[in-house]
């Protein structure tokens, strides 16, 4: 299955938030989320909850990794540095920094429509996932 199709059409959480993966190949993924009222921390102003940019960065990172191996693996650890609040649409790019037998490291950068930085992440993800088998719940 195509990585973009998997994330845009078969990822209920991403669909709920409005995450759109626009490109994913060779260890790089790009995408966006159009900020809406339901993403906001406040009824009086459009200011994204911190989970919104985090979800975009984590999804882009998983898509970047899936573009290398075909399957997204679970997130093991992510560090996020918030640089400014998201008050409008959020765009981002994730790049696989390291791909190993057991884990991969992915860095993502998010920015607003004007190119101002919003957040940066560095995450560790499980690699070598076999379709239909999850090593966290399946036993041999």
Protein backbone atom coordinates (compact mmCIF):
# COMPACT_ATOMS: atom_id res chain seq x y z
CA UNK A 1 0.00 0.00 0.00
CA UNK A 2 1.16 3.51 -0.82
CA UNK A 3 2.43 5.49 2.21
CA UNK A 4 0.37 8.58 1.41
CA UNK A 5 -2.79 6.50 0.94
CA UNK A 6 -2.15 4.68 4.23
CA UNK A 7 -1.78 7.89 6.21
CA UNK A 8 -4.43 10.00 4.48
CA UNK A 9 -7.13 7.36 3.95
CA UNK A 10 -6.59 4.68 6.61
CA UNK A 11 -5.42 6.61 9.68
CA UNK A 12 -8.52 7.57 11.71
CA UNK A 13 -6.68 9.75 14.25
CA UNK A 14 -4.96 11.71 11.49
CA UNK A 15 -8.25 12.11 9.64
CA UNK A 16 -9.92 13.33 12.83
CA UNK A 17 -7.26 16.01 13.30
CA UNK A 18 -7.08 16.89 9.60
CA UNK A 19 -3.48 15.78 9.03
CA UNK A 20 -2.57 15.55 5.36
CA UNK A 21 0.60 13.86 4.14
CA UNK A 22 1.49 15.50 0.82
CA UNK A 23 4.74 13.70 -0.02
CA UNK A 24 6.55 10.65 1.33
CA UNK A 25 9.49 8.96 -0.34
CA UNK A 26 13.12 8.08 0.23
CA UNK A 27 13.01 8.83 3.96
CA UNK A 28 11.39 12.26 3.68
CA UNK A 29 7.76 13.15 4.35
CA UNK A 30 5.95 16.47 4.09
CA UNK A 31 2.49 17.46 5.18
CA UNK A 32 0.23 19.91 6.92
CA UNK A 33 -2.70 20.45 9.19
CA UNK A 34 -5.20 23.24 8.62
CA UNK A 35 -5.89 24.73 12.02
CA UNK A 36 -9.56 24.83 12.95
CA UNK A 37 -11.54 25.87 16.03
CA UNK A 38 -11.55 22.32 17.45
CA UNK A 39 -7.71 22.37 17.60
CA UNK A 40 -7.69 25.42 19.85
CA UNK A 41 -6.86 25.84 23.51
CA UNK A 42 -9.32 28.69 23.84
CA UNK A 43 -12.77 29.63 22.59
CA UNK A 44 -11.71 33.27 22.27
CA UNK A 45 -8.66 32.83 20.03
CA UNK A 46 -7.28 30.31 17.58
CA UNK A 47 -4.23 28.93 19.38
CA UNK A 48 -3.39 25.28 18.81
CA UNK A 49 -3.15 22.86 21.70
CA UNK A 50 0.43 21.53 21.89
CA UNK A 51 -0.77 18.07 20.92
CA UNK A 52 -1.71 19.35 17.45
CA UNK A 53 1.81 20.15 16.21
CA UNK A 54 3.11 17.09 18.07
CA UNK A 55 0.62 14.85 16.24
CA UNK A 56 1.64 16.30 12.88
CA UNK A 57 5.36 15.85 13.59
CA UNK A 58 4.86 12.29 14.87
CA UNK A 59 2.72 11.38 11.85
CA UNK A 60 5.22 12.89 9.41
CA UNK A 61 8.03 11.02 11.13
CA UNK A 62 6.19 7.72 10.89
CA UNK A 63 5.42 8.40 7.21
CA UNK A 64 9.08 9.21 6.50
CA UNK A 65 10.12 5.93 8.10
CA UNK A 66 7.38 4.02 6.27
CA UNK A 67 8.69 5.46 2.98
CA UNK A 68 11.93 3.57 3.69
CA UNK A 69 10.51 0.24 4.80
CA UNK A 70 6.86 0.21 3.74
CA UNK A 71 5.34 -0.04 7.21
CA UNK A 72 5.17 2.54 9.98
CA UNK A 73 6.52 1.35 13.31
CA UNK A 74 5.39 2.48 16.73
CA UNK A 75 6.85 5.56 18.36
CA UNK A 76 9.33 4.70 21.11
CA UNK A 77 10.40 8.19 22.19
CA UNK A 78 10.04 11.78 20.94
CA UNK A 79 11.52 15.04 22.12
CA UNK A 80 9.71 18.17 20.98
CA UNK A 81 10.91 21.75 21.29
CA UNK A 82 8.11 24.28 20.83
CA UNK A 83 9.48 27.48 19.30
CA UNK A 84 6.30 29.55 18.96
CA UNK A 85 2.55 28.94 19.25
CA UNK A 86 0.65 27.68 16.24
CA UNK A 87 -2.08 30.17 15.39
CA UNK A 88 -2.70 29.12 11.79
CA UNK A 89 -2.04 26.24 9.44
CA UNK A 90 1.00 24.13 10.33
CA UNK A 91 3.33 22.69 7.69
CA UNK A 92 6.18 20.29 8.23
CA UNK A 93 8.87 18.01 6.95
CA UNK A 94 10.36 14.89 8.55
CA UNK A 95 13.66 13.30 7.52
CA UNK A 96 15.00 9.89 8.53
CA UNK A 97 18.36 10.56 10.17
CA UNK A 98 19.21 6.93 10.94
CA UNK A 99 17.63 3.65 9.92
CA UNK A 100 18.71 0.54 11.80
CA UNK A 101 17.69 -3.08 12.29
CA UNK A 102 15.63 -2.33 15.39
CA UNK A 103 15.10 1.44 15.50
CA UNK A 104 15.12 4.51 13.33
CA UNK A 105 15.71 8.15 14.24
CA UNK A 106 13.68 10.86 12.53
CA UNK A 107 13.87 14.63 12.81
CA UNK A 108 10.92 16.88 11.95
CA UNK A 109 10.57 20.63 11.60
CA UNK A 110 7.25 22.45 11.64
CA UNK A 111 6.53 25.97 10.48
CA UNK A 112 3.60 28.30 9.80
CA UNK A 113 2.44 29.45 6.35
CA UNK A 114 4.98 32.30 6.44
CA UNK A 115 7.87 29.91 7.16
CA UNK A 116 8.24 30.86 10.83
CA UNK A 117 9.41 27.88 12.92
CA UNK A 118 6.83 26.37 15.27
CA UNK A 119 8.51 23.22 16.59
CA UNK A 120 11.28 20.68 16.08
CA UNK A 121 11.22 17.03 17.06
CA UNK A 122 13.65 14.13 17.21
CA UNK A 123 12.02 10.75 17.59
CA UNK A 124 12.96 7.11 17.87
CA UNK A 125 10.72 4.57 16.12
CA UNK A 126 10.60 0.79 15.93
CA UNK A 127 11.75 -0.53 12.55
CA UNK A 128 11.43 -3.81 10.67
CA UNK A 129 7.76 -4.25 11.37
CA UNK A 130 6.32 -7.27 9.57
CA UNK A 131 2.85 -6.75 8.08
CA UNK A 132 0.29 -8.30 10.40
CA UNK A 133 2.70 -9.00 13.25
CA UNK A 134 3.40 -6.69 16.15
CA UNK A 135 6.39 -7.68 18.34
CA UNK A 136 4.87 -5.76 21.26
CA UNK A 137 1.80 -7.97 21.44
CA UNK A 138 2.53 -11.07 19.32
CA UNK A 139 4.62 -13.88 20.76
CA UNK A 140 6.30 -16.74 18.96
